[in-house]
Amino acid sequence: MGKMGKQRPEQTAGVLIINLSRQTSSVLQSVHDLNAPRKAFLPEVDVVPHHAEWEKPIDLGYRADSIMPIAQFHSHSFYEIYYFQAGECTYLIGDQLMTLRPGDLILMHGMTLHCPNSSPHVPYIRSIIHFDPAFLYQVLQKGTASLLLKPFEELRNIRLSLGEAEQAQFEKLLSEMNELQQRDHLFSASMICDRFTFRFFDLLELIRGWCTAPVNASEHSSLKERHVQNVVSYLEEHYTEELTLDQIAGALHLTKPYLSNLFKEVTGTTVFKYLYNRRINQAKILFRLEPERSVSDVSRMVGFLHLAHFSRLFKAAVGCSPEVYRKQLSQA
């Protein structure tokens, strides 16, 4: 059931959950040796451009443990690989709420609104890779680059729950990438860039193999989480409309105090902060995809009644006014 490029795996509102047991490890590709990635992935005569290290097309944050005091919604044009290693965390990505367990791997497509909400009472450890998908097309053959990006572009915003064997494979590659990244002052930039990049290609190939595995769509969640998931799904369907807390609570057969407190407890933010962030993120997407539209048009399209309100919230979230953001895109 479900392989990329053929029959699509079962999905729920844009998020796919794949469980990988130890039994599947025998069919996964082994990690290549140091020279294998060059032969397997790169064009016969091309090498990774030496300037790529300084442009940071691939950025690894390894076993980060910084505390996140408040839930912060964000989106970006690059792709993200998020690996949860320890702690307690619920993750809101797109219109799906996920309760994470150590070993969960999330692959994020660009411009998807997402926000982790971790418990402050236990260490929160995660490794995150951001990368520019265009970089793969610059250094790989087109067919190879397309193949490695399929999990991000076809399946979009998926979660893979790795078994012990898969965790060991993945963490070995992460550790090697981190070691190369930490030693960049000891070797030439070109050497580190090449070896670091090869390890990253190995990582993408490992992920690609996992994403062809059979799908187990079962998901365990509490009653509270199911209520919040219903709220998020409702907001996703109606975010362009004028909404009140009374209307949302009534539609979901919840009381206003219970709805407000429950949403904040599970997600780390309020219903309307989430709603406004969803609208602003959609505005950013429209500015990219439909640059001919005016700021006032986009403001109305995403659900704001007043342009001044939209502009104030947009600047607070993005760091510049919607007019400046739109102009920067046109000049890029």
Protein backbone atom coordinates (compact mmCIF):
# COMPACT_ATOMS: atom_id res chain seq x y z
CA MET A 1 0.00 0.00 0.00
CA GLY A 2 1.44 3.28 -1.12
CA LYS A 3 4.71 4.04 -2.83
CA MET A 4 5.79 7.42 -4.14
CA GLY A 5 5.12 8.01 -7.80
CA LYS A 6 2.58 5.19 -7.90
CA GLN A 7 -0.41 4.74 -5.65
CA ARG A 8 -0.39 7.46 -3.00
CA PRO A 9 -0.32 6.34 0.65
CA GLU A 10 -3.35 7.10 2.77
CA GLN A 11 -3.09 10.63 4.10
CA THR A 12 -4.97 12.73 6.63
CA ALA A 13 -5.20 16.45 5.84
CA GLY A 14 -1.73 16.70 4.42
CA VAL A 15 0.20 14.73 7.06
CA LEU A 16 1.26 11.15 6.60
CA ILE A 17 2.39 8.92 9.48
CA ILE A 18 4.68 6.00 8.69
CA ASN A 19 5.73 3.49 11.32
CA LEU A 20 8.96 1.65 10.64
CA SER A 21 9.57 -1.50 12.65
CA ARG A 22 12.83 -3.34 13.05
CA GLN A 23 11.59 -5.89 10.53
CA THR A 24 11.70 -3.32 7.72
CA SER A 25 15.38 -2.57 8.23
CA SER A 26 16.47 -5.52 6.11
CA VAL A 27 14.99 -3.93 3.00
CA LEU A 28 16.45 -0.48 3.57
CA GLN A 29 19.58 0.62 1.75
CA SER A 30 22.73 0.56 3.82
CA VAL A 31 24.75 3.68 4.42
CA HIS A 32 27.25 4.21 1.61
CA ASP A 33 30.97 4.40 2.27
CA LEU A 34 32.75 7.70 1.80
CA ASN A 35 33.32 7.31 -1.92
CA ALA A 36 29.94 5.78 -2.80
CA PRO A 37 27.88 9.00 -2.77
CA ARG A 38 30.05 10.55 -5.48
CA LYS A 39 29.47 7.56 -7.73
CA ALA A 40 25.83 7.10 -6.85
CA PHE A 41 24.60 10.68 -6.93
CA LEU A 42 26.87 13.18 -8.63
CA PRO A 43 27.21 13.74 -12.38
CA GLU A 44 30.25 12.05 -13.82
CA VAL A 45 32.28 15.22 -14.30
CA ASP A 46 30.75 17.64 -11.80
CA VAL A 47 31.68 18.18 -8.17
CA VAL A 48 30.02 20.22 -5.45
CA PRO A 49 30.85 23.91 -6.01
CA HIS A 50 33.35 25.10 -3.43
CA HIS A 51 31.42 28.29 -2.79
CA ALA A 52 28.41 26.27 -1.58
CA GLU A 53 29.81 26.04 1.96
CA TRP A 54 29.61 29.79 2.36
CA GLU A 55 26.13 30.11 0.93
CA LYS A 56 24.87 27.57 3.51
CA PRO A 57 22.47 25.65 1.28
CA ILE A 58 22.49 22.97 4.01
CA ASP A 59 22.39 23.93 7.69
CA LEU A 60 22.48 21.42 10.56
CA GLY A 61 21.51 22.14 14.14
CA TYR A 62 22.65 19.01 16.01
CA ARG A 63 21.04 17.89 19.29
CA ALA A 64 19.82 21.37 20.17
CA ASP A 65 18.56 21.58 23.74
CA SER A 66 17.64 25.24 24.10
CA ILE A 67 14.43 25.96 25.95
CA MET A 68 11.52 27.41 24.01
CA PRO A 69 9.56 29.54 26.51
CA ILE A 70 6.63 30.23 24.18
CA ALA A 71 5.21 28.59 21.11
CA GLN A 72 6.51 30.34 18.00
CA PHE A 73 4.76 29.89 14.66
CA HIS A 74 6.98 30.22 11.62
CA SER A 75 7.34 29.23 7.98
CA HIS A 76 10.15 29.44 5.45
CA SER A 77 10.83 28.76 1.80
CA PHE A 78 13.48 26.10 2.43
CA TYR A 79 12.78 22.49 3.36
CA GLU A 80 13.22 21.12 6.87
CA ILE A 81 14.13 17.77 8.41
CA TYR A 82 13.16 17.71 12.11
CA TYR A 83 14.28 14.79 14.28
CA PHE A 84 12.86 14.54 17.81
CA GLN A 85 15.30 12.87 20.22
CA ALA A 86 14.08 13.50 23.77
CA GLY A 87 11.49 15.37 25.77
CA GLU A 88 7.76 15.98 25.58
CA CYS A 89 6.45 17.91 22.59
CA THR A 90 3.32 18.46 20.57
CA TYR A 91 3.90 19.74 17.06
CA LEU A 92 1.40 21.74 15.04
CA ILE A 93 2.24 21.62 11.34
CA GLY A 94 -0.18 22.79 8.70
CA ASP A 95 -3.57 21.68 9.93
CA GLN A 96 -2.33 18.67 11.91
CA LEU A 97 -1.44 18.29 15.57
CA MET A 98 1.07 15.58 16.43
CA THR A 99 2.22 14.25 19.80
CA LEU A 100 5.86 13.36 19.27
CA ARG A 101 7.83 10.42 20.61
CA PRO A 102 11.63 10.08 20.54
CA GLY A 103 12.63 8.77 17.13
CA ASP A 104 9.95 10.70 15.24
CA LEU A 105 11.17 12.30 12.03
CA ILE A 106 9.23 15.10 10.32
CA LEU A 107 9.86 16.19 6.73
CA MET A 108 8.53 19.66 5.97
CA HIS A 109 7.76 21.22 2.65
CA GLY A 110 8.48 24.93 2.24
CA MET A 111 6.04 27.60 3.46
CA THR A 112 4.06 25.32 5.77
CA LEU A 113 3.15 27.05 9.04
CA HIS A 114 4.53 25.03 11.97
CA CYS A 115 5.12 25.35 15.68
CA PRO A 116 6.55 22.99 18.32
CA ASN A 117 5.25 23.19 21.89
CA SER A 118 7.66 21.47 24.28
CA SER A 119 7.34 20.79 27.99
CA PRO A 120 9.64 23.01 30.06
CA HIS A 121 9.95 20.32 32.73
CA VAL A 122 12.11 17.86 30.77
CA PRO A 123 15.06 18.34 28.38
CA TYR A 124 13.88 19.04 24.83
CA ILE A 125 16.46 17.63 22.38
CA ARG A 126 16.10 17.75 18.61
CA SER A 127 18.24 17.89 15.48
CA ILE A 128 17.11 20.09 12.58
CA ILE A 129 18.36 20.37 9.02
CA HIS A 130 17.30 23.23 6.77
CA PHE A 131 18.20 23.01 3.10
CA ASP A 132 17.54 24.73 -0.19
CA PRO A 133 15.97 22.25 -2.64
CA ALA A 134 17.37 24.26 -5.57
CA PHE A 135 20.88 23.31 -4.41
CA LEU A 136 20.25 19.67 -5.29
CA TYR A 137 19.41 20.60 -8.87
CA GLN A 138 22.63 22.63 -9.08
CA VAL A 139 24.93 19.75 -8.16
CA LEU A 140 23.02 16.58 -9.12
CA GLN A 141 21.51 15.24 -12.28
CA LYS A 142 17.90 16.40 -12.58
CA GLY A 143 16.40 12.92 -12.24
CA THR A 144 18.46 12.14 -9.14
CA ALA A 145 17.61 15.44 -7.46
CA SER A 146 13.92 14.95 -8.21
CA LEU A 147 14.01 11.44 -6.74
CA LEU A 148 15.62 12.57 -3.49
CA LEU A 149 13.12 15.42 -3.08
CA LYS A 150 10.04 13.26 -3.68
CA PRO A 151 9.29 12.68 0.02
CA PHE A 152 9.10 16.45 0.51
CA GLU A 153 7.30 17.39 -2.71
CA GLU A 154 4.89 14.47 -3.24
CA LEU A 155 4.04 13.43 0.29
CA ARG A 156 4.59 16.82 1.99
CA ASN A 157 4.78 17.36 5.74
CA ILE A 158 5.03 13.73 6.77
CA ARG A 159 6.03 12.08 10.00
CA LEU A 160 8.03 8.87 10.13
CA SER A 161 8.20 6.97 13.43
CA LEU A 162 11.57 5.24 13.29
CA GLY A 163 12.31 1.90 14.90
CA GLU A 164 15.53 1.24 16.80
CA ALA A 165 17.49 0.11 13.73
CA GLU A 166 16.38 3.11 11.69
CA GLN A 167 17.18 5.50 14.54
CA ALA A 168 20.71 4.08 14.74
CA GLN A 169 21.24 4.56 11.00
CA PHE A 170 19.88 8.07 11.01
CA GLU A 171 21.75 9.18 14.13
CA LYS A 172 25.03 7.80 12.76
CA LEU A 173 24.73 10.02 9.70
CA LEU A 174 23.70 13.03 11.79
CA SER A 175 26.71 12.51 14.06
CA GLU A 176 29.08 12.29 11.09
CA MET A 177 27.61 15.44 9.54
CA ASN A 178 27.97 17.27 12.83
CA GLU A 179 31.58 16.15 13.23
CA LEU A 180 32.43 17.43 9.76
CA GLN A 181 30.63 20.68 10.47
CA GLN A 182 32.50 21.16 13.76
CA ARG A 183 35.89 20.46 12.17
CA ASP A 184 35.53 22.95 9.32
CA HIS A 185 38.31 25.14 10.74
CA LEU A 186 40.79 22.26 10.53
CA PHE A 187 40.39 21.37 6.87
CA SER A 188 39.96 23.14 3.59
CA ALA A 189 36.47 24.46 2.90
CA SER A 190 36.15 22.40 -0.27
CA MET A 191 36.96 19.12 1.49
CA ILE A 192 34.49 19.68 4.29
CA CYS A 193 31.80 20.90 1.89
CA ASP A 194 32.16 17.79 -0.26
CA ARG A 195 32.19 15.27 2.60
CA PHE A 196 29.42 17.06 4.51
CA THR A 197 27.29 17.25 1.36
CA PHE A 198 27.84 13.58 0.53
CA ARG A 199 26.66 12.62 4.00
CA PHE A 200 23.57 14.76 3.48
CA PHE A 201 22.82 12.99 0.19
CA ASP A 202 23.14 9.67 2.04
CA LEU A 203 20.60 10.97 4.55
CA LEU A 204 18.13 11.91 1.81
CA GLU A 205 18.54 8.51 0.16
CA LEU A 206 17.87 6.77 3.48
CA ILE A 207 14.70 8.86 3.93
CA ARG A 208 13.60 8.14 0.37
CA GLY A 209 13.84 4.40 1.03
CA TRP A 210 11.80 4.70 4.21
CA CYS A 211 9.06 6.64 2.43
CA THR A 212 8.36 3.70 0.11
CA ALA A 213 7.49 1.48 3.10
CA PRO A 214 3.88 0.37 3.76
CA VAL A 215 1.79 2.88 5.65
CA ASN A 216 0.32 2.38 9.08
CA ALA A 217 -2.15 5.22 9.45
CA SER A 218 -3.10 4.54 13.05
CA GLU A 219 -2.47 7.37 15.48
CA HIS A 220 -2.77 7.42 19.24
CA SER A 221 -4.01 10.66 20.75
CA SER A 222 -5.84 11.75 23.87
CA LEU A 223 -9.34 13.20 23.96
CA LYS A 224 -7.85 16.65 24.56
CA GLU A 225 -5.65 16.35 21.49
CA ARG A 226 -8.58 15.20 19.37
CA HIS A 227 -10.58 18.24 20.48
CA VAL A 228 -7.70 20.55 19.55
CA GLN A 229 -7.28 18.76 16.22
CA ASN A 230 -10.96 19.46 15.52
CA VAL A 231 -10.39 23.14 16.31
CA VAL A 232 -7.39 23.35 13.98
CA SER A 233 -9.29 21.58 11.21
CA TYR A 234 -12.23 23.96 11.63
CA LEU A 235 -9.93 26.99 11.47
CA GLU A 236 -8.22 25.62 8.38
CA GLU A 237 -11.58 25.38 6.64
CA HIS A 238 -12.88 28.78 7.77
CA TYR A 239 -9.82 31.00 8.40
CA THR A 240 -10.74 33.39 5.56
CA GLU A 241 -14.10 34.11 7.18
CA GLU A 242 -14.99 36.47 10.02
CA LEU A 243 -14.77 34.30 13.13
CA THR A 244 -15.59 34.71 16.82
CA LEU A 245 -14.77 32.43 19.73
CA ASP A 246 -18.51 31.92 20.26
CA GLN A 247 -18.87 30.72 16.69
CA ILE A 248 -15.92 28.32 16.90
CA ALA A 249 -16.99 26.89 20.26
CA GLY A 250 -20.57 26.48 19.09
CA ALA A 251 -19.57 24.71 15.90
CA LEU A 252 -17.50 22.21 17.87
CA HIS A 253 -19.95 21.84 20.78
CA LEU A 254 -17.46 23.12 23.35
CA THR A 255 -17.73 25.88 25.94
CA LYS A 256 -15.63 28.99 25.35
CA PRO A 257 -13.54 28.67 28.56
CA TYR A 258 -12.85 24.99 27.90
CA LEU A 259 -11.92 25.68 24.28
CA SER A 260 -9.57 28.55 25.16
CA ASN A 261 -7.82 26.78 28.01
CA LEU A 262 -7.52 23.47 26.18
CA PHE A 263 -6.07 25.00 23.03
CA LYS A 264 -3.47 26.95 25.02
CA GLU A 265 -2.55 23.87 27.08
CA VAL A 266 -1.95 21.62 24.07
CA THR A 267 -0.47 24.05 21.53
CA GLY A 268 1.16 26.68 23.72
CA THR A 269 -0.70 29.52 22.02
CA THR A 270 -4.21 30.96 21.82
CA VAL A 271 -6.89 30.25 19.25
CA PHE A 272 -6.68 33.71 17.73
CA LYS A 273 -2.89 33.87 17.71
CA TYR A 274 -2.97 30.66 15.70
CA LEU A 275 -5.71 32.04 13.43
CA TYR A 276 -3.81 35.28 12.76
CA ASN A 277 -0.57 33.39 12.08
CA ARG A 278 -2.43 31.14 9.65
CA ARG A 279 -3.80 34.16 7.79
CA ILE A 280 -0.42 35.90 7.68
CA ASN A 281 1.30 32.78 6.40
CA GLN A 282 -1.29 32.51 3.63
CA ALA A 283 -0.69 36.15 2.79
CA LYS A 284 3.05 35.42 2.41
CA ILE A 285 2.20 32.58 0.04
CA LEU A 286 -0.11 34.81 -2.03
CA PHE A 287 2.53 37.53 -2.27
CA ARG A 288 4.87 34.90 -3.74
CA LEU A 289 2.42 33.20 -6.07
CA GLU A 290 0.32 36.19 -7.16
CA PRO A 291 2.66 39.22 -7.06
CA GLU A 292 0.25 41.32 -9.09
CA ARG A 293 -2.24 41.46 -6.22
CA SER A 294 -2.28 44.52 -4.00
CA VAL A 295 -1.73 44.41 -0.26
CA SER A 296 -5.36 45.35 0.38
CA ASP A 297 -6.57 42.54 -1.91
CA VAL A 298 -4.44 39.97 -0.10
CA SER A 299 -5.56 41.31 3.27
CA ARG A 300 -9.22 40.71 2.36
CA MET A 301 -8.53 37.33 0.76
CA VAL A 302 -6.98 35.90 3.94
CA GLY A 303 -9.75 37.10 6.23
CA PHE A 304 -8.80 40.51 7.64
CA LEU A 305 -11.56 43.11 7.68
CA HIS A 306 -9.23 46.07 8.26
CA LEU A 307 -6.01 46.75 6.36
CA ALA A 308 -4.42 48.50 9.35
CA HIS A 309 -4.98 45.42 11.54
CA PHE A 310 -3.45 43.17 8.88
CA SER A 311 -0.42 45.45 8.42
CA ARG A 312 0.24 45.69 12.17
CA LEU A 313 0.08 41.92 12.72
CA PHE A 314 2.07 41.18 9.56
CA LYS A 315 4.92 43.46 10.63
CA ALA A 316 4.95 41.98 14.14
CA ALA A 317 5.16 38.45 12.74
CA VAL A 318 7.44 38.94 9.72
CA GLY A 319 9.56 41.90 10.77
CA CYS A 320 8.56 44.25 7.96
CA SER A 321 5.36 45.69 6.53
CA PRO A 322 3.46 43.74 3.85
CA GLU A 323 4.37 46.47 1.33
CA VAL A 324 8.09 46.02 2.02
CA TYR A 325 7.78 42.23 1.98
CA ARG A 326 6.00 42.34 -1.39
CA LYS A 327 8.62 44.70 -2.81
CA GLN A 328 11.47 42.49 -1.61
CA LEU A 329 9.95 39.49 -3.36
CA SER A 330 9.63 41.39 -6.62
CA GLN A 331 13.29 42.38 -6.46
CA ALA A 332 14.59 38.92 -5.59
